[in-house]
């Protein structure tokens, strides 16, 4: 087993364990701990990109996702400030069952697409001069806006929906304070005592 294979298994296993810790207890019980686990998973994925010689994606994974996006998620979680009483116990509801079935369907279609795409694929020799620009900024930009333009636009729509969802969650968690009720009719302020009256008189006299 080569050193590259050892690094692949270490980084891949770390990414899987960090992703599992994000959902399963005890880390999965706290939203902030789940966010930290997701950040760790992003770092492992960045290492996998580096093994694939996709250095631009590796750097963007750390700067954009593990940095900016997860900082935003962490601030939103801290802004919500969910207590243990507000976190409901996990229950099996028809909506969650439908969501699980839909998730299995999506993952099945994804696995099928990956299998069809990689069928008959051969390993690429990156030392070949034809792949000298592999992973560079111009090459990634050219493929992003030509071959993969539709997936790129779909991802932008997904990020927009996620931003709208975050705003909706933050709005629902805001607790409005009612205005104080006016005093009842006929309520009079208590008359100042003699000591208070003398104190006010001295205060006004000293001012003059």
N, C-alpha and C. Protein backbone atom coordinates (compact mmCIF):
# COMPACT_ATOMS: atom_id res chain seq x y z
N UNK A 1 0.85 -1.19 0.00
CA UNK A 1 0.00 0.00 0.00
C UNK A 1 0.89 1.24 0.00
N UNK A 2 0.63 2.14 -0.94
CA UNK A 2 1.43 3.33 -1.07
C UNK A 2 1.02 4.40 -0.05
N UNK A 3 1.87 5.42 0.07
CA UNK A 3 1.56 6.50 0.99
C UNK A 3 0.33 7.29 0.58
N UNK A 4 0.11 7.42 -0.73
CA UNK A 4 -1.07 8.13 -1.20
C UNK A 4 -2.35 7.39 -0.83
N UNK A 5 -2.31 6.05 -0.92
CA UNK A 5 -3.49 5.28 -0.54
C UNK A 5 -3.75 5.38 0.96
N UNK A 6 -2.67 5.39 1.75
CA UNK A 6 -2.85 5.53 3.20
C UNK A 6 -3.48 6.88 3.53
N UNK A 7 -3.00 7.95 2.89
CA UNK A 7 -3.57 9.27 3.12
C UNK A 7 -5.03 9.33 2.67
N UNK A 8 -5.35 8.64 1.57
CA UNK A 8 -6.74 8.64 1.09
C UNK A 8 -7.66 7.99 2.12
N UNK A 9 -7.26 6.84 2.66
CA UNK A 9 -8.11 6.15 3.63
C UNK A 9 -8.22 6.95 4.93
N UNK A 10 -7.13 7.60 5.33
CA UNK A 10 -7.19 8.41 6.55
C UNK A 10 -8.11 9.62 6.38
N UNK A 11 -7.95 10.32 5.26
CA UNK A 11 -8.78 11.50 5.02
C UNK A 11 -10.23 11.11 4.76
N UNK A 12 -10.45 10.04 3.96
CA UNK A 12 -11.82 9.60 3.70
C UNK A 12 -12.52 9.11 4.96
N UNK A 13 -11.81 8.32 5.77
CA UNK A 13 -12.40 7.85 7.02
C UNK A 13 -12.68 8.99 7.98
N UNK A 14 -11.77 9.97 8.03
CA UNK A 14 -12.01 11.13 8.90
C UNK A 14 -13.21 11.93 8.45
N UNK A 15 -13.39 12.08 7.13
CA UNK A 15 -14.55 12.82 6.63
C UNK A 15 -15.85 12.08 6.97
N UNK A 16 -15.85 10.76 6.85
CA UNK A 16 -17.05 9.99 7.16
C UNK A 16 -17.36 10.06 8.66
N UNK A 17 -16.35 9.93 9.49
CA UNK A 17 -16.57 9.98 10.94
C UNK A 17 -17.04 11.36 11.38
N UNK A 18 -16.46 12.40 10.80
CA UNK A 18 -16.89 13.76 11.17
C UNK A 18 -18.33 14.01 10.73
N UNK A 19 -18.70 13.50 9.55
CA UNK A 19 -20.08 13.66 9.08
C UNK A 19 -21.05 12.88 9.96
N UNK A 20 -20.64 11.68 10.40
CA UNK A 20 -21.51 10.90 11.30
C UNK A 20 -21.64 11.58 12.66
N UNK A 21 -20.54 12.16 13.15
CA UNK A 21 -20.61 12.87 14.43
C UNK A 21 -21.51 14.09 14.37
N UNK A 22 -21.67 14.65 13.17
CA UNK A 22 -22.53 15.82 13.01
C UNK A 22 -24.00 15.46 13.25
N UNK A 23 -24.37 14.21 12.99
CA UNK A 23 -25.77 13.80 13.09
C UNK A 23 -26.08 12.96 14.32
N UNK A 24 -25.11 12.16 14.76
CA UNK A 24 -25.35 11.21 15.84
C UNK A 24 -24.94 11.80 17.18
N UNK A 25 -25.60 11.36 18.27
CA UNK A 25 -25.19 11.81 19.60
C UNK A 25 -23.82 11.25 19.96
N UNK A 26 -23.08 11.90 20.87
CA UNK A 26 -23.49 13.09 21.63
C UNK A 26 -23.28 14.41 20.90
N UNK A 27 -22.45 14.44 19.84
CA UNK A 27 -22.20 15.70 19.14
C UNK A 27 -23.44 16.22 18.43
N UNK A 28 -24.26 15.31 17.92
CA UNK A 28 -25.43 15.72 17.16
C UNK A 28 -26.53 16.34 17.99
N UNK A 29 -26.43 16.27 19.31
CA UNK A 29 -27.48 16.85 20.15
C UNK A 29 -27.37 18.36 20.25
N UNK A 30 -26.21 18.90 20.00
CA UNK A 30 -26.00 20.34 20.10
C UNK A 30 -25.78 20.92 18.71
N UNK A 31 -26.51 21.95 18.31
CA UNK A 31 -26.31 22.53 16.98
C UNK A 31 -24.90 23.08 16.77
N UNK A 32 -24.32 23.69 17.78
CA UNK A 32 -22.99 24.26 17.63
C UNK A 32 -21.95 23.16 17.49
N UNK A 33 -22.12 22.05 18.20
CA UNK A 33 -21.20 20.92 18.05
C UNK A 33 -21.34 20.27 16.66
N UNK A 34 -22.55 20.22 16.16
CA UNK A 34 -22.75 19.70 14.80
C UNK A 34 -22.05 20.58 13.77
N UNK A 35 -22.11 21.90 13.96
CA UNK A 35 -21.43 22.81 13.04
C UNK A 35 -19.92 22.62 13.09
N UNK A 36 -19.37 22.40 14.28
CA UNK A 36 -17.93 22.16 14.41
C UNK A 36 -17.54 20.85 13.72
N UNK A 37 -18.37 19.83 13.87
CA UNK A 37 -18.09 18.56 13.18
C UNK A 37 -18.12 18.73 11.67
N UNK A 38 -19.03 19.56 11.18
CA UNK A 38 -19.08 19.81 9.74
C UNK A 38 -17.84 20.55 9.26
N UNK A 39 -17.31 21.46 10.07
CA UNK A 39 -16.08 22.16 9.71
C UNK A 39 -14.92 21.17 9.61
N UNK A 40 -14.84 20.25 10.55
CA UNK A 40 -13.78 19.23 10.51
C UNK A 40 -13.93 18.38 9.25
N UNK A 41 -15.16 18.03 8.89
CA UNK A 41 -15.38 17.26 7.67
C UNK A 41 -14.93 18.03 6.43
N UNK A 42 -15.14 19.33 6.41
CA UNK A 42 -14.68 20.15 5.28
C UNK A 42 -13.16 20.13 5.16
N UNK A 43 -12.45 20.13 6.26
CA UNK A 43 -10.99 20.07 6.21
C UNK A 43 -10.51 18.74 5.63
N UNK A 44 -11.16 17.66 6.01
CA UNK A 44 -10.80 16.36 5.44
C UNK A 44 -11.08 16.33 3.93
N UNK A 45 -12.19 16.91 3.53
CA UNK A 45 -12.50 16.96 2.09
C UNK A 45 -11.48 17.80 1.34
N UNK A 46 -10.99 18.86 1.96
CA UNK A 46 -9.96 19.67 1.32
C UNK A 46 -8.68 18.85 1.12
N UNK A 47 -8.36 17.98 2.06
CA UNK A 47 -7.22 17.09 1.88
C UNK A 47 -7.42 16.11 0.74
N UNK A 48 -8.64 15.62 0.58
CA UNK A 48 -8.93 14.72 -0.55
C UNK A 48 -8.79 15.44 -1.88
N UNK A 49 -9.23 16.69 -1.95
CA UNK A 49 -9.05 17.46 -3.18
C UNK A 49 -7.57 17.67 -3.48
N UNK A 50 -6.77 17.87 -2.44
CA UNK A 50 -5.34 18.05 -2.67
C UNK A 50 -4.71 16.77 -3.21
N UNK A 51 -5.18 15.61 -2.75
CA UNK A 51 -4.67 14.34 -3.30
C UNK A 51 -5.02 14.17 -4.77
N UNK A 52 -6.13 14.76 -5.19
CA UNK A 52 -6.55 14.67 -6.59
C UNK A 52 -5.90 15.76 -7.46
N UNK A 53 -4.94 16.48 -6.90
CA UNK A 53 -4.25 17.58 -7.60
C UNK A 53 -5.19 18.71 -7.95
N UNK A 54 -6.32 18.79 -7.30
CA UNK A 54 -7.26 19.91 -7.48
C UNK A 54 -6.98 20.92 -6.38
N UNK A 55 -5.86 21.61 -6.52
CA UNK A 55 -5.42 22.49 -5.44
C UNK A 55 -6.32 23.71 -5.29
N UNK A 56 -6.88 24.17 -6.39
CA UNK A 56 -7.79 25.31 -6.29
C UNK A 56 -9.04 24.95 -5.49
N UNK A 57 -9.60 23.78 -5.76
CA UNK A 57 -10.78 23.35 -5.00
C UNK A 57 -10.43 23.13 -3.54
N UNK A 58 -9.23 22.64 -3.28
CA UNK A 58 -8.81 22.42 -1.89
C UNK A 58 -8.75 23.74 -1.13
N UNK A 59 -8.17 24.76 -1.75
CA UNK A 59 -8.08 26.07 -1.09
C UNK A 59 -9.46 26.70 -0.94
N UNK A 60 -10.29 26.61 -1.98
CA UNK A 60 -11.64 27.17 -1.89
C UNK A 60 -12.48 26.45 -0.85
N UNK A 61 -12.25 25.16 -0.68
CA UNK A 61 -12.99 24.40 0.33
C UNK A 61 -12.72 24.96 1.72
N UNK A 62 -11.48 25.33 1.98
CA UNK A 62 -11.11 25.86 3.30
C UNK A 62 -11.55 27.31 3.44
N UNK A 63 -11.29 28.13 2.42
CA UNK A 63 -11.58 29.56 2.53
C UNK A 63 -13.09 29.83 2.52
N UNK A 64 -13.78 29.21 1.56
CA UNK A 64 -15.20 29.53 1.37
C UNK A 64 -16.09 28.75 2.33
N UNK A 65 -15.92 27.42 2.35
CA UNK A 65 -16.85 26.59 3.13
C UNK A 65 -16.43 26.51 4.60
N UNK A 66 -15.21 26.03 4.87
CA UNK A 66 -14.78 25.92 6.26
C UNK A 66 -14.59 27.29 6.90
N UNK A 67 -14.40 28.33 6.09
CA UNK A 67 -14.21 29.66 6.62
C UNK A 67 -15.49 30.48 6.64
N UNK A 68 -15.82 31.07 5.48
CA UNK A 68 -16.90 32.05 5.44
C UNK A 68 -18.27 31.43 5.71
N UNK A 69 -18.60 30.34 5.00
CA UNK A 69 -19.94 29.77 5.11
C UNK A 69 -20.20 29.22 6.52
N UNK A 70 -19.24 28.50 7.06
CA UNK A 70 -19.46 27.91 8.39
C UNK A 70 -19.44 28.96 9.48
N UNK A 71 -18.68 30.05 9.30
CA UNK A 71 -18.76 31.15 10.26
C UNK A 71 -20.16 31.75 10.25
N UNK A 72 -20.73 31.89 9.04
CA UNK A 72 -22.10 32.39 8.93
C UNK A 72 -23.08 31.44 9.61
N UNK A 73 -22.95 30.15 9.36
CA UNK A 73 -23.83 29.17 10.00
C UNK A 73 -23.70 29.24 11.52
N UNK A 74 -22.47 29.35 12.00
CA UNK A 74 -22.25 29.39 13.45
C UNK A 74 -22.89 30.63 14.07
N UNK A 75 -22.78 31.77 13.40
CA UNK A 75 -23.40 32.98 13.92
C UNK A 75 -24.92 32.86 13.92
N UNK A 76 -25.48 32.22 12.90
CA UNK A 76 -26.94 32.02 12.87
C UNK A 76 -27.38 31.12 14.01
N UNK A 77 -26.63 30.06 14.26
CA UNK A 77 -26.97 29.15 15.37
C UNK A 77 -26.88 29.88 16.70
N UNK A 78 -25.83 30.69 16.87
CA UNK A 78 -25.70 31.45 18.11
C UNK A 78 -26.79 32.52 18.22
N UNK A 79 -27.23 33.07 17.08
CA UNK A 79 -28.31 34.06 17.11
C UNK A 79 -29.63 33.42 17.50
N UNK A 80 -29.88 32.21 17.00
CA UNK A 80 -31.11 31.51 17.38
C UNK A 80 -31.13 31.20 18.87
N UNK A 81 -29.96 30.82 19.42
CA UNK A 81 -29.82 30.57 20.86
C UNK A 81 -30.88 29.58 21.35
N UNK A 82 -30.88 28.41 20.71
CA UNK A 82 -31.87 27.40 21.07
C UNK A 82 -31.48 26.72 22.37
N UNK A 83 -32.41 26.67 23.29
CA UNK A 83 -32.18 25.99 24.56
C UNK A 83 -32.52 24.51 24.44
N UNK A 84 -32.15 23.77 25.45
CA UNK A 84 -32.45 22.34 25.44
C UNK A 84 -33.95 22.08 25.47
N UNK A 85 -34.70 23.00 26.11
CA UNK A 85 -36.15 22.82 26.16
C UNK A 85 -36.79 23.08 24.80
N UNK A 86 -36.17 23.96 23.99
CA UNK A 86 -36.73 24.27 22.68
C UNK A 86 -36.43 23.20 21.64
N UNK A 87 -35.39 22.40 21.87
CA UNK A 87 -35.05 21.32 20.95
C UNK A 87 -35.95 20.13 21.25
N UNK A 88 -36.87 19.86 20.40
CA UNK A 88 -37.80 18.77 20.62
C UNK A 88 -37.13 17.42 20.40
N UNK A 89 -37.65 16.43 21.08
CA UNK A 89 -37.12 15.08 20.92
C UNK A 89 -37.46 14.57 19.51
N UNK A 90 -36.55 13.74 19.02
CA UNK A 90 -36.76 13.20 17.67
C UNK A 90 -37.95 12.24 17.68
N UNK A 91 -38.88 12.50 16.79
CA UNK A 91 -40.06 11.68 16.65
C UNK A 91 -40.22 11.27 15.20
N UNK A 92 -40.79 10.10 15.02
CA UNK A 92 -41.04 9.61 13.66
C UNK A 92 -42.40 10.12 13.22
N UNK A 93 -42.37 11.03 12.27
CA UNK A 93 -43.59 11.63 11.74
C UNK A 93 -43.72 11.28 10.26
N UNK A 94 -44.92 11.38 9.70
CA UNK A 94 -45.06 11.11 8.25
C UNK A 94 -44.18 12.00 7.39
N UNK A 95 -44.00 13.26 7.79
CA UNK A 95 -43.14 14.14 7.02
C UNK A 95 -41.69 13.68 7.00
N UNK A 96 -41.22 13.20 8.14
CA UNK A 96 -39.84 12.71 8.20
C UNK A 96 -39.68 11.41 7.44
N UNK A 97 -40.70 10.58 7.47
CA UNK A 97 -40.62 9.34 6.69
C UNK A 97 -40.56 9.66 5.19
N UNK A 98 -41.40 10.62 4.75
CA UNK A 98 -41.36 11.02 3.33
C UNK A 98 -40.01 11.64 2.98
N UNK A 99 -39.45 12.43 3.90
CA UNK A 99 -38.14 13.04 3.64
C UNK A 99 -37.06 11.97 3.54
N UNK A 100 -37.13 10.94 4.40
CA UNK A 100 -36.15 9.86 4.33
C UNK A 100 -36.24 9.08 3.03
N UNK A 101 -37.47 8.80 2.60
CA UNK A 101 -37.63 8.09 1.32
C UNK A 101 -37.11 8.93 0.16
N UNK A 102 -37.40 10.22 0.19
CA UNK A 102 -36.90 11.11 -0.87
C UNK A 102 -35.37 11.18 -0.85
N UNK A 103 -34.78 11.20 0.34
CA UNK A 103 -33.32 11.24 0.43
C UNK A 103 -32.70 9.96 -0.12
N UNK A 104 -33.30 8.82 0.19
CA UNK A 104 -32.79 7.56 -0.36
C UNK A 104 -32.91 7.53 -1.88
N UNK A 105 -34.00 8.08 -2.39
CA UNK A 105 -34.17 8.14 -3.84
C UNK A 105 -33.10 9.03 -4.49
N UNK A 106 -32.84 10.18 -3.88
CA UNK A 106 -31.83 11.09 -4.43
C UNK A 106 -30.45 10.46 -4.37
N UNK A 107 -30.11 9.82 -3.26
CA UNK A 107 -28.80 9.18 -3.15
C UNK A 107 -28.68 8.01 -4.13
N UNK A 108 -29.79 7.29 -4.36
CA UNK A 108 -29.74 6.22 -5.34
C UNK A 108 -29.50 6.73 -6.74
N UNK A 109 -30.18 7.83 -7.10
CA UNK A 109 -29.95 8.43 -8.42
C UNK A 109 -28.53 8.97 -8.54
N UNK A 110 -28.01 9.52 -7.45
CA UNK A 110 -26.64 10.02 -7.47
C UNK A 110 -25.64 8.90 -7.66
N UNK A 111 -25.85 7.79 -6.94
CA UNK A 111 -24.95 6.65 -7.11
C UNK A 111 -25.02 6.08 -8.52
N UNK A 112 -26.23 6.04 -9.08
CA UNK A 112 -26.37 5.56 -10.47
C UNK A 112 -25.67 6.48 -11.45
N UNK A 113 -25.80 7.79 -11.24
CA UNK A 113 -25.14 8.74 -12.14
C UNK A 113 -23.62 8.62 -12.05
N UNK A 114 -23.11 8.44 -10.84
CA UNK A 114 -21.66 8.29 -10.68
C UNK A 114 -21.17 7.00 -11.33
N UNK A 115 -21.94 5.92 -11.18
CA UNK A 115 -21.55 4.65 -11.79
C UNK A 115 -21.55 4.74 -13.31
N UNK A 116 -22.57 5.38 -13.89
CA UNK A 116 -22.61 5.51 -15.34
C UNK A 116 -21.51 6.44 -15.87
N UNK A 117 -21.20 7.46 -15.09
CA UNK A 117 -20.18 8.41 -15.53
C UNK A 117 -18.79 7.80 -15.49
N UNK A 118 -18.53 7.02 -14.45
CA UNK A 118 -17.19 6.47 -14.27
C UNK A 118 -17.02 5.11 -14.94
N UNK A 119 -18.05 4.61 -15.61
CA UNK A 119 -17.91 3.31 -16.27
C UNK A 119 -16.89 3.40 -17.41
N UNK A 120 -15.90 2.54 -17.36
CA UNK A 120 -14.87 2.53 -18.39
C UNK A 120 -13.86 3.65 -18.27
N UNK A 121 -13.90 4.41 -17.17
CA UNK A 121 -12.94 5.50 -17.01
C UNK A 121 -11.57 4.95 -16.67
N UNK A 122 -10.57 5.63 -17.14
CA UNK A 122 -9.19 5.24 -16.90
C UNK A 122 -8.49 6.33 -16.11
N UNK A 123 -7.48 5.92 -15.37
CA UNK A 123 -6.72 6.88 -14.58
C UNK A 123 -5.96 7.83 -15.50
N UNK A 124 -5.83 9.06 -15.06
CA UNK A 124 -5.19 10.12 -15.84
C UNK A 124 -3.77 10.31 -15.35
N UNK A 125 -2.86 10.38 -16.27
CA UNK A 125 -1.47 10.66 -15.95
C UNK A 125 -1.28 12.17 -15.93
N UNK A 126 -1.18 12.74 -14.73
CA UNK A 126 -1.08 14.19 -14.61
C UNK A 126 0.27 14.72 -15.08
N UNK A 127 1.24 13.83 -15.27
CA UNK A 127 2.52 14.29 -15.81
C UNK A 127 2.47 14.52 -17.31
N UNK A 128 1.37 14.13 -17.94
CA UNK A 128 1.20 14.36 -19.38
C UNK A 128 1.09 15.86 -19.64
N UNK A 129 1.80 16.39 -20.64
CA UNK A 129 1.70 17.84 -20.92
C UNK A 129 0.29 18.31 -21.25
N UNK A 130 -0.56 17.41 -21.72
CA UNK A 130 -1.93 17.80 -22.02
C UNK A 130 -2.74 18.15 -20.78
N UNK A 131 -2.29 17.69 -19.60
CA UNK A 131 -2.99 17.98 -18.34
C UNK A 131 -2.17 18.93 -17.47
N UNK A 132 -1.36 19.76 -18.12
CA UNK A 132 -0.53 20.69 -17.35
C UNK A 132 -1.36 21.74 -16.62
N UNK A 133 -2.50 22.11 -17.18
CA UNK A 133 -3.37 23.14 -16.58
C UNK A 133 -4.48 22.54 -15.73
N UNK A 134 -4.39 21.25 -15.42
CA UNK A 134 -5.45 20.61 -14.64
C UNK A 134 -5.52 21.24 -13.25
N UNK A 135 -6.72 21.67 -12.87
CA UNK A 135 -6.94 22.25 -11.55
C UNK A 135 -6.58 23.71 -11.43
N UNK A 136 -6.12 24.34 -12.51
CA UNK A 136 -5.76 25.75 -12.45
C UNK A 136 -7.02 26.61 -12.54
N UNK A 137 -6.87 27.90 -12.19
CA UNK A 137 -8.01 28.81 -12.19
C UNK A 137 -8.61 28.99 -13.60
N UNK A 138 -7.80 29.25 -14.64
CA UNK A 138 -8.42 29.39 -15.99
C UNK A 138 -9.14 28.14 -16.46
N UNK A 139 -8.56 26.96 -16.19
CA UNK A 139 -9.19 25.73 -16.65
C UNK A 139 -10.49 25.46 -15.91
N UNK A 140 -10.49 25.68 -14.60
CA UNK A 140 -11.73 25.47 -13.83
C UNK A 140 -12.80 26.47 -14.25
N UNK A 141 -12.42 27.72 -14.47
CA UNK A 141 -13.39 28.72 -14.91
C UNK A 141 -13.97 28.39 -16.28
N UNK A 142 -13.14 27.91 -17.19
CA UNK A 142 -13.63 27.56 -18.53
C UNK A 142 -14.64 26.43 -18.47
N UNK A 143 -14.34 25.38 -17.67
CA UNK A 143 -15.26 24.25 -17.57
C UNK A 143 -16.53 24.63 -16.81
N UNK A 144 -16.40 25.53 -15.83
CA UNK A 144 -17.55 25.91 -15.03
C UNK A 144 -18.58 26.67 -15.85
N UNK A 145 -18.12 27.51 -16.76
CA UNK A 145 -19.04 28.34 -17.53
C UNK A 145 -19.31 27.81 -18.94
N UNK A 146 -18.85 26.61 -19.22
CA UNK A 146 -19.17 25.98 -20.51
C UNK A 146 -19.80 24.61 -20.30
N UNK A 147 -19.00 23.65 -19.88
CA UNK A 147 -19.51 22.28 -19.75
C UNK A 147 -20.48 22.14 -18.59
N UNK A 148 -20.18 22.77 -17.46
CA UNK A 148 -20.98 22.59 -16.24
C UNK A 148 -21.74 23.87 -15.90
N UNK A 149 -22.24 24.56 -16.91
CA UNK A 149 -22.96 25.81 -16.64
C UNK A 149 -24.29 25.56 -15.93
N UNK A 150 -25.04 24.54 -16.38
CA UNK A 150 -26.35 24.26 -15.76
C UNK A 150 -26.21 23.82 -14.30
N UNK A 151 -25.32 22.87 -13.96
CA UNK A 151 -25.15 22.55 -12.53
C UNK A 151 -24.69 23.74 -11.70
N UNK A 152 -23.86 24.60 -12.29
CA UNK A 152 -23.40 25.79 -11.56
C UNK A 152 -24.57 26.71 -11.22
N UNK A 153 -25.47 26.92 -12.17
CA UNK A 153 -26.63 27.77 -11.90
C UNK A 153 -27.59 27.11 -10.91
N UNK A 154 -27.72 25.80 -10.97
CA UNK A 154 -28.58 25.10 -10.01
C UNK A 154 -28.04 25.23 -8.58
N UNK A 155 -26.73 25.18 -8.44
CA UNK A 155 -26.13 25.36 -7.12
C UNK A 155 -26.39 26.78 -6.61
N UNK A 156 -26.33 27.77 -7.48
CA UNK A 156 -26.62 29.14 -7.05
C UNK A 156 -28.06 29.27 -6.57
N UNK A 157 -29.00 28.60 -7.24
CA UNK A 157 -30.39 28.62 -6.78
C UNK A 157 -30.52 27.93 -5.43
N UNK A 158 -29.79 26.83 -5.24
CA UNK A 158 -29.83 26.12 -3.96
C UNK A 158 -29.31 27.00 -2.83
N UNK A 159 -28.23 27.73 -3.07
CA UNK A 159 -27.71 28.64 -2.05
C UNK A 159 -28.69 29.76 -1.74
N UNK A 160 -29.40 30.24 -2.76
CA UNK A 160 -30.42 31.28 -2.53
C UNK A 160 -31.54 30.75 -1.65
N UNK A 161 -31.99 29.52 -1.92
CA UNK A 161 -33.04 28.92 -1.09
C UNK A 161 -32.56 28.73 0.35
N UNK A 162 -31.30 28.33 0.52
CA UNK A 162 -30.76 28.15 1.86
C UNK A 162 -30.70 29.49 2.61
N UNK A 163 -30.35 30.57 1.91
CA UNK A 163 -30.31 31.88 2.55
C UNK A 163 -31.71 32.33 2.98
N UNK A 164 -32.70 32.09 2.12
CA UNK A 164 -34.08 32.44 2.47
C UNK A 164 -34.56 31.61 3.67
N UNK A 165 -34.20 30.32 3.69
CA UNK A 165 -34.57 29.48 4.83
C UNK A 165 -33.94 29.95 6.13
N UNK A 166 -32.69 30.41 6.07
CA UNK A 166 -32.04 30.91 7.28
C UNK A 166 -32.75 32.16 7.79
N UNK A 167 -33.18 33.03 6.88
CA UNK A 167 -33.91 34.24 7.30
C UNK A 167 -35.25 33.87 7.93
N UNK A 168 -35.92 32.89 7.37
CA UNK A 168 -37.22 32.47 7.92
C UNK A 168 -37.05 31.88 9.31
N UNK A 169 -36.02 31.06 9.50
CA UNK A 169 -35.78 30.48 10.82
C UNK A 169 -35.44 31.54 11.84
N UNK A 170 -34.62 32.52 11.45
CA UNK A 170 -34.27 33.59 12.37
C UNK A 170 -35.48 34.44 12.73
N UNK A 171 -36.38 34.66 11.77
CA UNK A 171 -37.57 35.46 12.03
C UNK A 171 -38.51 34.74 12.97
N UNK A 172 -38.64 33.44 12.82
CA UNK A 172 -39.54 32.68 13.70
C UNK A 172 -39.04 32.64 15.12
N UNK A 173 -37.72 32.75 15.32
CA UNK A 173 -37.17 32.63 16.66
C UNK A 173 -37.16 33.95 17.41
N UNK A 174 -37.47 35.07 16.73
CA UNK A 174 -37.47 36.36 17.40
C UNK A 174 -38.65 36.44 18.37
N UNK A 175 -38.36 36.89 19.57
CA UNK A 175 -39.38 37.00 20.60
C UNK A 175 -39.72 38.48 20.78
N UNK A 176 -40.94 38.84 20.45
CA UNK A 176 -41.37 40.22 20.55
C UNK A 176 -41.88 40.48 21.97
N UNK A 177 -41.54 41.63 22.48
CA UNK A 177 -41.96 42.03 23.82
C UNK A 177 -43.15 42.97 23.68
N UNK A 178 -44.23 42.64 24.39
CA UNK A 178 -45.42 43.48 24.34
C UNK A 178 -45.17 44.83 25.00
N UNK A 179 -45.88 45.83 24.50
CA UNK A 179 -45.75 47.15 25.11
C UNK A 179 -46.38 47.13 26.50
N UNK A 180 -45.83 47.91 27.43
CA UNK A 180 -46.42 47.91 28.79
C UNK A 180 -47.83 48.47 28.77
N UNK A 181 -48.68 47.90 29.60
CA UNK A 181 -50.07 48.34 29.67
C UNK A 181 -50.16 49.70 30.33
N UNK A 182 -51.10 50.55 29.89
CA UNK A 182 -51.26 51.87 30.54
C UNK A 182 -51.81 51.70 31.96
N UNK A 183 -51.54 52.66 32.81
CA UNK A 183 -52.07 52.54 34.19
C UNK A 183 -53.58 52.59 34.20
N UNK A 184 -54.21 51.95 35.14
CA UNK A 184 -55.69 51.95 35.20
C UNK A 184 -56.23 53.34 35.43
N UNK A 185 -57.51 53.51 35.05
CA UNK A 185 -58.16 54.82 35.19
C UNK A 185 -58.27 55.19 36.66
N UNK A 186 -58.04 56.46 36.97
CA UNK A 186 -58.13 56.92 38.35
C UNK A 186 -56.89 56.70 39.16
N UNK A 187 -55.85 56.14 38.55
CA UNK A 187 -54.61 55.88 39.29
C UNK A 187 -53.85 57.19 39.44
N UNK A 188 -53.46 57.50 40.65
CA UNK A 188 -52.72 58.72 40.92
C UNK A 188 -51.37 58.36 41.50
N UNK A 189 -50.37 59.14 41.14
CA UNK A 189 -49.04 58.94 41.71
C UNK A 189 -49.06 59.27 43.19
N UNK A 190 -48.35 58.54 43.99
CA UNK A 190 -48.33 58.84 45.43
C UNK A 190 -47.71 60.21 45.70
N UNK A 191 -48.30 60.93 46.65
CA UNK A 191 -47.78 62.24 47.00
C UNK A 191 -46.42 62.11 47.65
N UNK A 192 -45.50 63.02 47.34
CA UNK A 192 -44.16 62.92 47.94
C UNK A 192 -44.22 63.15 49.44
N UNK A 193 -43.38 62.46 50.14
CA UNK A 193 -43.33 62.60 51.59
C UNK A 193 -42.69 63.93 51.97
N UNK A 194 -42.72 64.27 53.26
CA UNK A 194 -42.15 65.54 53.72
C UNK A 194 -40.64 65.59 53.49
N UNK A 195 -39.98 64.45 53.70
CA UNK A 195 -38.53 64.43 53.50
C UNK A 195 -38.19 64.67 52.04
N UNK A 196 -38.96 64.06 51.14
CA UNK A 196 -38.71 64.26 49.73
C UNK A 196 -39.00 65.68 49.32
N UNK A 197 -40.08 66.28 49.89
CA UNK A 197 -40.40 67.66 49.56
C UNK A 197 -39.31 68.61 50.01
N UNK A 198 -38.81 68.40 51.25
CA UNK A 198 -37.71 69.24 51.73
C UNK A 198 -36.49 69.08 50.85
N UNK A 199 -36.19 67.85 50.42
CA UNK A 199 -35.02 67.59 49.58
C UNK A 199 -35.16 68.31 48.24
N UNK A 200 -36.39 68.28 47.66
CA UNK A 200 -36.61 68.97 46.40
C UNK A 200 -36.51 70.48 46.58
N UNK A 201 -36.99 70.97 47.69
CA UNK A 201 -36.92 72.41 47.93
C UNK A 201 -35.47 72.87 48.05
N UNK A 202 -34.68 72.11 48.79
CA UNK A 202 -33.26 72.45 48.92
C UNK A 202 -32.56 72.37 47.59
N UNK A 203 -32.95 71.36 46.78
CA UNK A 203 -32.32 71.21 45.48
C UNK A 203 -32.62 72.38 44.57
N UNK A 204 -33.91 72.86 44.58
CA UNK A 204 -34.26 74.00 43.74
C UNK A 204 -33.64 75.27 44.28
N UNK A 205 -33.58 75.37 45.61
CA UNK A 205 -32.96 76.57 46.18
C UNK A 205 -31.48 76.64 45.88
N UNK A 206 -30.83 75.48 45.95
CA UNK A 206 -29.41 75.48 45.64
C UNK A 206 -29.15 75.79 44.20
N UNK A 207 -30.12 75.43 43.33
CA UNK A 207 -29.92 75.73 41.91
C UNK A 207 -29.97 77.20 41.64
N UNK A 208 -30.86 77.94 42.39
CA UNK A 208 -30.93 79.38 42.20
C UNK A 208 -29.73 80.05 42.81
